[in-house]
PDB file of all heavy atoms in Angstrom:
ATOM      1  N   ALA A   1     109.537  99.518  74.638  1.00  0.00           N
ATOM      2  CA  ALA A   1     108.161  99.958  74.401  1.00  0.00           C
ATOM      3  C   ALA A   1     108.051 100.665  73.063  1.00  0.00           C
ATOM      4  O   ALA A   1     107.103 100.461  72.302  1.00  0.00           O
ATOM      5  CB  ALA A   1     107.722 100.879  75.526  1.00  0.00           C
ATOM      6  N   GLU A   2     109.055 101.506  72.734  1.00  0.00           N
ATOM      7  CA  GLU A   2     109.028 102.229  71.473  1.00  0.00           C
ATOM      8  C   GLU A   2     109.158 101.280  70.283  1.00  0.00           C
ATOM      9  O   GLU A   2     108.710 101.581  69.179  1.00  0.00           O
ATOM     10  CB  GLU A   2     110.162 103.256  71.442  1.00  0.00           C
ATOM     11  CG  GLU A   2     109.951 104.409  72.420  1.00  0.00           C
ATOM     12  CD  GLU A   2     111.154 105.331  72.487  1.00  0.00           C
ATOM     13  OE1 GLU A   2     112.142 105.049  71.751  1.00  0.00           O
ATOM     14  OE2 GLU A   2     111.110 106.301  73.251  1.00  0.00           O
ATOM     15  N   ALA A   3     109.796 100.150  70.527  1.00  0.00           N
ATOM     16  CA  ALA A   3     109.979  99.179  69.448  1.00  0.00           C
ATOM     17  C   ALA A   3     108.711  98.399  69.150  1.00  0.00           C
ATOM     18  O   ALA A   3     108.672  97.589  68.246  1.00  0.00           O
ATOM     19  CB  ALA A   3     111.106  98.214  69.792  1.00  0.00           C
ATOM     20  N   GLY A   4     107.671  98.625  69.980  1.00  0.00           N
ATOM     21  CA  GLY A   4     106.396  97.973  69.685  1.00  0.00           C
ATOM     22  C   GLY A   4     105.843  97.116  70.783  1.00  0.00           C
ATOM     23  O   GLY A   4     104.721  96.652  70.689  1.00  0.00           O
ATOM     24  N   ALA A   5     106.637  96.883  71.862  1.00  0.00           N
ATOM     25  CA  ALA A   5     106.137  96.014  72.935  1.00  0.00           C
ATOM     26  C   ALA A   5     104.934  96.606  73.627  1.00  0.00           C
ATOM     27  O   ALA A   5     104.073  95.896  74.119  1.00  0.00           O
ATOM     28  CB  ALA A   5     107.247  95.758  73.959  1.00  0.00           C
ATOM     29  N   GLY A   6     104.868  97.943  73.665  1.00  0.00           N
ATOM     30  CA  GLY A   6     103.741  98.576  74.342  1.00  0.00           C
ATOM     31  C   GLY A   6     102.691  99.074  73.388  1.00  0.00           C
ATOM     32  O   GLY A   6     101.744  99.750  73.776  1.00  0.00           O
ATOM     33  N   ASP A   7     102.814  98.802  72.068  1.00  0.00           N
ATOM     34  CA  ASP A   7     101.858  99.278  71.085  1.00  0.00           C
ATOM     35  C   ASP A   7     100.522  98.594  71.273  1.00  0.00           C
ATOM     36  O   ASP A   7     100.455  97.385  71.502  1.00  0.00           O
ATOM     37  CB  ASP A   7     102.395  98.987  69.677  1.00  0.00           C
ATOM     38  CG  ASP A   7     101.606  99.737  68.614  1.00  0.00           C
ATOM     39  OD1 ASP A   7     100.465  99.338  68.351  1.00  0.00           O
ATOM     40  OD2 ASP A   7     102.160 100.728  68.077  1.00  0.00           O
ATOM     41  N   SER A   8      99.465  99.363  71.136  1.00  0.00           N
ATOM     42  CA  SER A   8      98.129  98.808  71.346  1.00  0.00           C
ATOM     43  C   SER A   8      97.791  97.756  70.311  1.00  0.00           C
ATOM     44  O   SER A   8      96.919  96.915  70.533  1.00  0.00           O
ATOM     45  CB  SER A   8      97.079  99.928  71.309  1.00  0.00           C
ATOM     46  OG  SER A   8      97.131 100.614  70.063  1.00  0.00           O
ATOM     47  N   ALA A   9      98.487  97.831  69.145  1.00  0.00           N
ATOM     48  CA  ALA A   9      98.199  96.832  68.123  1.00  0.00           C
ATOM     49  C   ALA A   9      98.847  95.505  68.429  1.00  0.00           C
ATOM     50  O   ALA A   9      98.455  94.480  67.885  1.00  0.00           O
ATOM     51  CB  ALA A   9      98.684  97.338  66.760  1.00  0.00           C
ATOM     52  N   ALA A  10      99.888  95.538  69.277  1.00  0.00           N
ATOM     53  CA  ALA A  10     100.571  94.294  69.624  1.00  0.00           C
ATOM     54  C   ALA A  10      99.720  93.491  70.579  1.00  0.00           C
ATOM     55  O   ALA A  10      99.025  94.041  71.423  1.00  0.00           O
ATOM     56  CB  ALA A  10     101.921  94.602  70.262  1.00  0.00           C
ATOM     57  N   PRO A  11      99.714  92.177  70.461  1.00  0.00           N
ATOM     58  CA  PRO A  11      98.909  91.353  71.385  1.00  0.00           C
ATOM     59  C   PRO A  11      99.418  91.483  72.803  1.00  0.00           C
ATOM     60  O   PRO A  11     100.623  91.440  73.044  1.00  0.00           O
ATOM     61  CB  PRO A  11      99.107  89.925  70.848  1.00  0.00           C
ATOM     62  CG  PRO A  11     100.420  89.983  70.110  1.00  0.00           C
ATOM     63  CD  PRO A  11     100.493  91.357  69.525  1.00  0.00           C
ATOM     64  N   HIS A  12      98.477  91.679  73.733  1.00  0.00           N
ATOM     65  CA  HIS A  12      98.848  91.741  75.150  1.00  0.00           C
ATOM     66  C   HIS A  12      99.197  90.340  75.617  1.00  0.00           C
ATOM     67  O   HIS A  12      98.613  89.364  75.143  1.00  0.00           O
ATOM     68  CB  HIS A  12      97.674  92.295  75.972  1.00  0.00           C
ATOM     69  CG  HIS A  12      98.120  92.971  77.230  1.00  0.00           C
ATOM     70  ND1 HIS A  12      98.734  92.314  78.241  1.00  0.00           N
ATOM     71  CD2 HIS A  12      98.035  94.268  77.612  1.00  0.00           C
ATOM     72  CE1 HIS A  12      99.012  93.155  79.218  1.00  0.00           C
ATOM     73  NE2 HIS A  12      98.592  94.354  78.859  1.00  0.00           N
ATOM     74  N   PRO A  13     100.157  90.191  76.527  1.00  0.00           N
ATOM     75  CA  PRO A  13     100.516  88.840  76.990  1.00  0.00           C
ATOM     76  C   PRO A  13      99.312  88.104  77.539  1.00  0.00           C
ATOM     77  O   PRO A  13      98.477  88.686  78.227  1.00  0.00           O
ATOM     78  CB  PRO A  13     101.544  89.121  78.108  1.00  0.00           C
ATOM     79  CG  PRO A  13     102.074  90.487  77.805  1.00  0.00           C
ATOM     80  CD  PRO A  13     100.956  91.233  77.174  1.00  0.00           C
ATOM     81  N   THR A  14      99.185  86.852  77.205  1.00  0.00           N
ATOM     82  CA  THR A  14      98.115  86.058  77.775  1.00  0.00           C
ATOM     83  C   THR A  14      98.403  85.812  79.239  1.00  0.00           C
ATOM     84  O   THR A  14      99.522  85.990  79.702  1.00  0.00           O
ATOM     85  CB  THR A  14      98.007  84.701  77.049  1.00  0.00           C
ATOM     86  OG1 THR A  14      99.252  84.010  77.237  1.00  0.00           O
ATOM     87  CG2 THR A  14      97.761  84.893  75.565  1.00  0.00           C
ATOM     88  N   ALA A  15      97.377  85.385  79.978  1.00  0.00           N
ATOM     89  CA  ALA A  15      97.553  85.206  81.422  1.00  0.00           C
ATOM     90  C   ALA A  15      98.677  84.245  81.765  1.00  0.00           C
ATOM     91  O   ALA A  15      99.549  84.575  82.562  1.00  0.00           O
ATOM     92  CB  ALA A  15      96.237  84.746  82.046  1.00  0.00           C
ATOM     93  N   PRO A  16      98.758  83.045  81.164  1.00  0.00           N
ATOM     94  CA  PRO A  16      99.851  82.137  81.531  1.00  0.00           C
ATOM     95  C   PRO A  16     101.221  82.692  81.195  1.00  0.00           C
ATOM     96  O   PRO A  16     102.161  82.587  81.977  1.00  0.00           O
ATOM     97  CB  PRO A  16      99.522  80.869  80.736  1.00  0.00           C
ATOM     98  CG  PRO A  16      98.062  80.952  80.457  1.00  0.00           C
ATOM     99  CD  PRO A  16      97.790  82.416  80.255  1.00  0.00           C
ATOM    100  N   ASP A  17     101.353  83.304  79.987  1.00  0.00           N
ATOM    101  CA  ASP A  17     102.654  83.837  79.592  1.00  0.00           C
ATOM    102  C   ASP A  17     103.069  84.978  80.505  1.00  0.00           C
ATOM    103  O   ASP A  17     104.228  85.087  80.907  1.00  0.00           O
ATOM    104  CB  ASP A  17     102.602  84.326  78.139  1.00  0.00           C
ATOM    105  CG  ASP A  17     102.507  83.161  77.163  1.00  0.00           C
ATOM    106  OD1 ASP A  17     102.823  82.032  77.578  1.00  0.00           O
ATOM    107  OD2 ASP A  17     102.113  83.389  76.010  1.00  0.00           O
ATOM    108  N   ALA A  18     102.119  85.863  80.818  1.00  0.00           N
ATOM    109  CA  ALA A  18     102.436  87.001  81.671  1.00  0.00           C
ATOM    110  C   ALA A  18     102.846  86.538  83.055  1.00  0.00           C
ATOM    111  O   ALA A  18     103.763  87.098  83.666  1.00  0.00           O
ATOM    112  CB  ALA A  18     101.219  87.930  81.772  1.00  0.00           C
ATOM    113  N   THR A  19     102.178  85.504  83.535  1.00  0.00           N
ATOM    114  CA  THR A  19     102.538  84.989  84.851  1.00  0.00           C
ATOM    115  C   THR A  19     103.945  84.431  84.847  1.00  0.00           C
ATOM    116  O   THR A  19     104.714  84.632  85.786  1.00  0.00           O
ATOM    117  CB  THR A  19     101.537  83.890  85.288  1.00  0.00           C
ATOM    118  OG1 THR A  19     100.223  84.436  85.247  1.00  0.00           O
ATOM    119  CG2 THR A  19     101.846  83.407  86.692  1.00  0.00           C
ATOM    120  N   GLY A  20     104.316  83.745  83.776  1.00  0.00           N
ATOM    121  CA  GLY A  20     105.673  83.232  83.682  1.00  0.00           C
ATOM    122  C   GLY A  20     106.705  84.342  83.666  1.00  0.00           C
ATOM    123  O   GLY A  20     107.739  84.255  84.327  1.00  0.00           O
ATOM    124  N   GLN A  21     106.403  85.421  82.921  1.00  0.00           N
ATOM    125  CA  GLN A  21     107.313  86.557  82.898  1.00  0.00           C
ATOM    126  C   GLN A  21     107.437  87.182  84.275  1.00  0.00           C
ATOM    127  O   GLN A  21     108.523  87.563  84.712  1.00  0.00           O
ATOM    128  CB  GLN A  21     106.807  87.610  81.902  1.00  0.00           C
ATOM    129  CG  GLN A  21     106.968  87.219  80.436  1.00  0.00           C
ATOM    130  CD  GLN A  21     106.401  88.293  79.537  1.00  0.00           C
ATOM    131  OE1 GLN A  21     105.239  88.653  79.636  1.00  0.00           O
ATOM    132  NE2 GLN A  21     107.233  88.817  78.653  1.00  0.00           N
ATOM    133  N   LEU A  22     106.295  87.285  84.933  1.00  0.00           N
ATOM    134  CA  LEU A  22     106.279  87.878  86.275  1.00  0.00           C
ATOM    135  C   LEU A  22     107.186  87.114  87.219  1.00  0.00           C
ATOM    136  O   LEU A  22     108.027  87.701  87.909  1.00  0.00           O
ATOM    137  CB  LEU A  22     104.850  87.859  86.818  1.00  0.00           C
ATOM    138  CG  LEU A  22     104.716  87.842  88.349  1.00  0.00           C
ATOM    139  CD1 LEU A  22     105.088  89.205  88.902  1.00  0.00           C
ATOM    140  CD2 LEU A  22     103.320  87.441  88.745  1.00  0.00           C
ATOM    141  N   LEU A  23     107.040  85.803  87.241  1.00  0.00           N
ATOM    142  CA  LEU A  23     107.781  85.009  88.206  1.00  0.00           C
ATOM    143  C   LEU A  23     109.271  84.982  87.884  1.00  0.00           C
ATOM    144  O   LEU A  23     110.085  84.774  88.766  1.00  0.00           O
ATOM    145  CB  LEU A  23     107.203  83.595  88.247  1.00  0.00           C
ATOM    146  CG  LEU A  23     105.743  83.545  88.726  1.00  0.00           C
ATOM    147  CD1 LEU A  23     105.200  82.123  88.632  1.00  0.00           C
ATOM    148  CD2 LEU A  23     105.617  84.057  90.147  1.00  0.00           C
ATOM    149  N   THR A  24     109.618  85.221  86.636  1.00  0.00           N
ATOM    150  CA  THR A  24     111.030  85.306  86.277  1.00  0.00           C
ATOM    151  C   THR A  24     111.628  86.643  86.707  1.00  0.00           C
ATOM    152  O   THR A  24     112.805  86.746  87.043  1.00  0.00           O
ATOM    153  CB  THR A  24     111.203  85.135  84.758  1.00  0.00           C
ATOM    154  OG1 THR A  24     110.658  83.876  84.385  1.00  0.00           O
ATOM    155  CG2 THR A  24     112.675  85.185  84.361  1.00  0.00           C
ATOM    156  N   ALA A  25     110.783  87.677  86.722  1.00  0.00           N
ATOM    157  CA  ALA A  25     111.281  89.031  86.965  1.00  0.00           C
ATOM    158  C   ALA A  25     111.283  89.442  88.429  1.00  0.00           C
ATOM    159  O   ALA A  25     111.748  90.519  88.762  1.00  0.00           O
ATOM    160  CB  ALA A  25     110.444  90.030  86.171  1.00  0.00           C
ATOM    161  N   THR A  26     110.763  88.608  89.318  1.00  0.00           N
ATOM    162  CA  THR A  26     110.613  89.032  90.711  1.00  0.00           C
ATOM    163  C   THR A  26     111.938  89.422  91.347  1.00  0.00           C
ATOM    164  O   THR A  26     111.989  90.331  92.175  1.00  0.00           O
ATOM    165  CB  THR A  26     109.972  87.919  91.545  1.00  0.00           C
ATOM    166  OG1 THR A  26     110.693  86.717  91.355  1.00  0.00           O
ATOM    167  CG2 THR A  26     108.528  87.723  91.163  1.00  0.00           C
ATOM    168  N   ALA A  27     113.020  88.736  90.990  1.00  0.00           N
ATOM    169  CA  ALA A  27     114.305  89.037  91.624  1.00  0.00           C
ATOM    170  C   ALA A  27     114.805  90.427  91.252  1.00  0.00           C
ATOM    171  O   ALA A  27     115.510  91.062  92.027  1.00  0.00           O
ATOM    172  CB  ALA A  27     115.341  87.994  91.216  1.00  0.00           C
ATOM    173  N   GLN A  28     114.428  90.927  90.048  1.00  0.00           N
ATOM    174  CA  GLN A  28     114.897  92.236  89.625  1.00  0.00           C
ATOM    175  C   GLN A  28     113.987  93.368  90.100  1.00  0.00           C
ATOM    176  O   GLN A  28     114.444  94.405  90.537  1.00  0.00           O
ATOM    177  CB  GLN A  28     114.995  92.288  88.082  1.00  0.00           C
ATOM    178  CG  GLN A  28     116.160  91.486  87.518  1.00  0.00           C
ATOM    179  CD  GLN A  28     115.905  89.997  87.541  1.00  0.00           C
ATOM    180  OE1 GLN A  28     114.794  89.564  87.298  1.00  0.00           O
ATOM    181  NE2 GLN A  28     116.921  89.214  87.852  1.00  0.00           N
ATOM    182  N   ARG A  29     112.676  93.173  89.991  1.00  0.00           N
ATOM    183  CA  ARG A  29     111.778  94.297  90.240  1.00  0.00           C
ATOM    184  C   ARG A  29     110.682  93.979  91.231  1.00  0.00           C
ATOM    185  O   ARG A  29     110.258  94.823  92.008  1.00  0.00           O
ATOM    186  CB  ARG A  29     111.145  94.743  88.924  1.00  0.00           C
ATOM    187  CG  ARG A  29     110.221  95.962  89.092  1.00  0.00           C
ATOM    188  CD  ARG A  29     109.718  96.446  87.730  1.00  0.00           C
ATOM    189  NE  ARG A  29     108.842  97.607  87.879  1.00  0.00           N
ATOM    190  CZ  ARG A  29     107.544  97.522  88.107  1.00  0.00           C
ATOM    191  NH1 ARG A  29     106.972  96.352  88.210  1.00  0.00           N
ATOM    192  NH2 ARG A  29     106.806  98.607  88.239  1.00  0.00           N
ATOM    193  N   SER A  30     110.178  92.798  91.197  1.00  0.00           N
ATOM    194  CA  SER A  30     109.086  92.338  92.040  1.00  0.00           C
ATOM    195  C   SER A  30     107.834  93.193  91.945  1.00  0.00           C
ATOM    196  O   SER A  30     107.475  93.899  92.880  1.00  0.00           O
ATOM    197  CB  SER A  30     109.525  92.259  93.501  1.00  0.00           C
ATOM    198  OG  SER A  30     108.493  91.681  94.263  1.00  0.00           O
ATOM    199  N   PRO A  31     107.124  93.159  90.794  1.00  0.00           N
ATOM    200  CA  PRO A  31     105.834  93.826  90.720  1.00  0.00           C
ATOM    201  C   PRO A  31     104.815  93.220  91.678  1.00  0.00           C
ATOM    202  O   PRO A  31     103.788  93.812  91.949  1.00  0.00           O
ATOM    203  CB  PRO A  31     105.416  93.628  89.254  1.00  0.00           C
ATOM    204  CG  PRO A  31     106.163  92.413  88.810  1.00  0.00           C
ATOM    205  CD  PRO A  31     107.468  92.454  89.556  1.00  0.00           C
ATOM    206  N   LEU A  32     105.090  92.012  92.173  1.00  0.00           N
ATOM    207  CA  LEU A  32     104.199  91.398  93.147  1.00  0.00           C
ATOM    208  C   LEU A  32     103.943  92.309  94.339  1.00  0.00           C
ATOM    209  O   LEU A  32     102.825  92.435  94.822  1.00  0.00           O
ATOM    210  CB  LEU A  32     104.819  90.084  93.655  1.00  0.00           C
ATOM    211  CG  LEU A  32     104.738  88.856  92.760  1.00  0.00           C
ATOM    212  CD1 LEU A  32     105.572  87.745  93.346  1.00  0.00           C
ATOM    213  CD2 LEU A  32     103.316  88.423  92.592  1.00  0.00           C
ATOM    214  N   SER A  33     104.982  92.950  94.833  1.00  0.00           N
ATOM    215  CA  SER A  33     104.863  93.739  96.051  1.00  0.00           C
ATOM    216  C   SER A  33     104.045  95.003  95.851  1.00  0.00           C
ATOM    217  O   SER A  33     103.605  95.603  96.825  1.00  0.00           O
ATOM    218  CB  SER A  33     106.253  94.111  96.582  1.00  0.00           C
ATOM    219  OG  SER A  33     106.946  94.896  95.628  1.00  0.00           O
ATOM    220  N   THR A  34     103.846  95.405  94.591  1.00  0.00           N
ATOM    221  CA  THR A  34     103.030  96.583  94.341  1.00  0.00           C
ATOM    222  C   THR A  34     101.630  96.224  93.858  1.00  0.00           C
ATOM    223  O   THR A  34     100.660  96.906  94.175  1.00  0.00           O
ATOM    224  CB  THR A  34     103.710  97.497  93.297  1.00  0.00           C
ATOM    225  OG1 THR A  34     103.990  96.738  92.117  1.00  0.00           O
ATOM    226  CG2 THR A  34     105.018  98.057  93.841  1.00  0.00           C
ATOM    227  N   ALA A  35     101.493  95.158  93.075  1.00  0.00           N
ATOM    228  CA  ALA A  35     100.177  94.754  92.575  1.00  0.00           C
ATOM    229  C   ALA A  35      99.329  94.138  93.670  1.00  0.00           C
ATOM    230  O   ALA A  35      98.099  94.249  93.641  1.00  0.00           O
ATOM    231  CB  ALA A  35     100.333  93.772  91.419  1.00  0.00           C
ATOM    232  N   ILE A  36      99.957  93.471  94.622  1.00  0.00           N
ATOM    233  CA  ILE A  36      99.237  92.876  95.762  1.00  0.00           C
ATOM    234  C   ILE A  36      99.714  93.587  97.015  1.00  0.00           C
ATOM    235  O   ILE A  36     100.877  93.482  97.405  1.00  0.00           O
ATOM    236  CB  ILE A  36      99.498  91.369  95.854  1.00  0.00           C
ATOM    237  CG1 ILE A  36      99.033  90.682  94.572  1.00  0.00           C
ATOM    238  CG2 ILE A  36      98.786  90.772  97.066  1.00  0.00           C
ATOM    239  CD1 ILE A  36      99.363  89.213  94.507  1.00  0.00           C
ATOM    240  N   ALA A  37      98.804  94.297  97.648  1.00  0.00           N
ATOM    241  CA  ALA A  37      99.192  95.161  98.779  1.00  0.00           C
ATOM    242  C   ALA A  37      99.556  94.362 100.022  1.00  0.00           C
ATOM    243  O   ALA A  37     100.493  94.711 100.745  1.00  0.00           O
ATOM    244  CB  ALA A  37      98.064  96.136  99.100  1.00  0.00           C
ATOM    245  N   HIS A  38      98.830  93.276 100.287  1.00  0.00           N
ATOM    246  CA  HIS A  38      98.976  92.580 101.565  1.00  0.00           C
ATOM    247  C   HIS A  38      99.212  91.083 101.341  1.00  0.00           C
ATOM    248  O   HIS A  38      98.599  90.468 100.460  1.00  0.00           O
ATOM    249  CB  HIS A  38      97.729  92.780 102.432  1.00  0.00           C
ATOM    250  CG  HIS A  38      97.325  94.208 102.580  1.00  0.00           C
ATOM    251  ND1 HIS A  38      97.998  95.091 103.391  1.00  0.00           N
ATOM    252  CD2 HIS A  38      96.312  94.917 101.991  1.00  0.00           C
ATOM    253  CE1 HIS A  38      97.425  96.277 103.316  1.00  0.00           C
ATOM    254  NE2 HIS A  38      96.415  96.201 102.470  1.00  0.00           N
ATOM    255  N   TRP A  39     100.081  90.536 102.176  1.00  0.00           N
ATOM    256  CA  TRP A  39     100.446  89.121 102.075  1.00  0.00           C
ATOM    257  C   TRP A  39     100.217  88.434 103.416  1.00  0.00           C
ATOM    258  O   TRP A  39     100.853  88.775 104.415  1.00  0.00           O
ATOM    259  CB  TRP A  39     101.904  88.984 101.635  1.00  0.00           C
ATOM    260  CG  TRP A  39     102.092  89.440 100.227  1.00  0.00           C
ATOM    261  CD1 TRP A  39     102.167  90.727  99.774  1.00  0.00           C
ATOM    262  CD2 TRP A  39     102.198  88.598  99.075  1.00  0.00           C
ATOM    263  NE1 TRP A  39     102.314  90.747  98.415  1.00  0.00           N
ATOM    264  CE2 TRP A  39     102.338  89.454  97.955  1.00  0.00           C
ATOM    265  CE3 TRP A  39     102.199  87.219  98.887  1.00  0.00           C
ATOM    266  CZ2 TRP A  39     102.466  88.957  96.657  1.00  0.00           C
ATOM    267  CZ3 TRP A  39     102.334  86.724  97.599  1.00  0.00           C
ATOM    268  CH2 TRP A  39     102.461  87.588  96.496  1.00  0.00           C
ATOM    269  N   ALA A  40      99.285  87.485 103.411  1.00  0.00           N
ATOM    270  CA  ALA A  40      99.015  86.686 104.608  1.00  0.00           C
ATOM    271  C   ALA A  40      99.759  85.364 104.448  1.00  0.00           C
ATOM    272  O   ALA A  40      99.238  84.402 103.883  1.00  0.00           O
ATOM    273  CB  ALA A  40      97.514  86.448 104.780  1.00  0.00           C
ATOM    274  N   ILE A  41     100.986  85.324 104.924  1.00  0.00           N
ATOM    275  CA  ILE A  41     101.831  84.131 104.802  1.00  0.00           C
ATOM    276  C   ILE A  41     101.805  83.370 106.114  1.00  0.00           C
ATOM    277  O   ILE A  41     102.071  83.939 107.178  1.00  0.00           O
ATOM    278  CB  ILE A  41     103.281  84.525 104.450  1.00  0.00           C
ATOM    279  CG1 ILE A  41     103.310  85.418 103.203  1.00  0.00           C
ATOM    280  CG2 ILE A  41     104.128  83.277 104.252  1.00  0.00           C
ATOM    281  CD1 ILE A  41     102.755  84.777 101.957  1.00  0.00           C
ATOM    282  N   HIS A  42     101.500  82.091 106.041  1.00  0.00           N
ATOM    283  CA  HIS A  42     101.487  81.277 107.264  1.00  0.00           C
ATOM    284  C   HIS A  42     102.872  81.281 107.896  1.00  0.00           C
ATOM    285  O   HIS A  42     103.847  80.844 107.266  1.00  0.00           O
ATOM    286  CB  HIS A  42     101.068  79.847 106.941  1.00  0.00           C
ATOM    287  CG  HIS A  42     101.244  78.901 108.097  1.00  0.00           C
ATOM    288  ND1 HIS A  42     100.498  78.998 109.250  1.00  0.00           N
ATOM    289  CD2 HIS A  42     102.106  77.876 108.287  1.00  0.00           C
ATOM    290  CE1 HIS A  42     100.885  78.050 110.095  1.00  0.00           C
ATOM    291  NE2 HIS A  42     101.866  77.359 109.530  1.00  0.00           N
ATOM    292  N   PRO A  43     102.993  81.768 109.129  1.00  0.00           N
ATOM    293  CA  PRO A  43     104.313  81.822 109.776  1.00  0.00           C
ATOM    294  C   PRO A  43     104.697  80.476 110.365  1.00  0.00           C
ATOM    295  O   PRO A  43     104.737  80.298 111.594  1.00  0.00           O
ATOM    296  CB  PRO A  43     104.119  82.902 110.846  1.00  0.00           C
ATOM    297  CG  PRO A  43     102.667  82.807 111.209  1.00  0.00           C
ATOM    298  CD  PRO A  43     101.947  82.388 109.952  1.00  0.00           C
TER     299      PRO A  43
END
């Protein structure tokens, strides 16, 4: 972040790119479980 990734002048990830990053990172952190509170998965 200090190197500029979080700088307001830096372009924010576009929706497709951010989604790709998200799906790659789920195994390490899984922001999915915090950004989406409830999951209705067909059992």
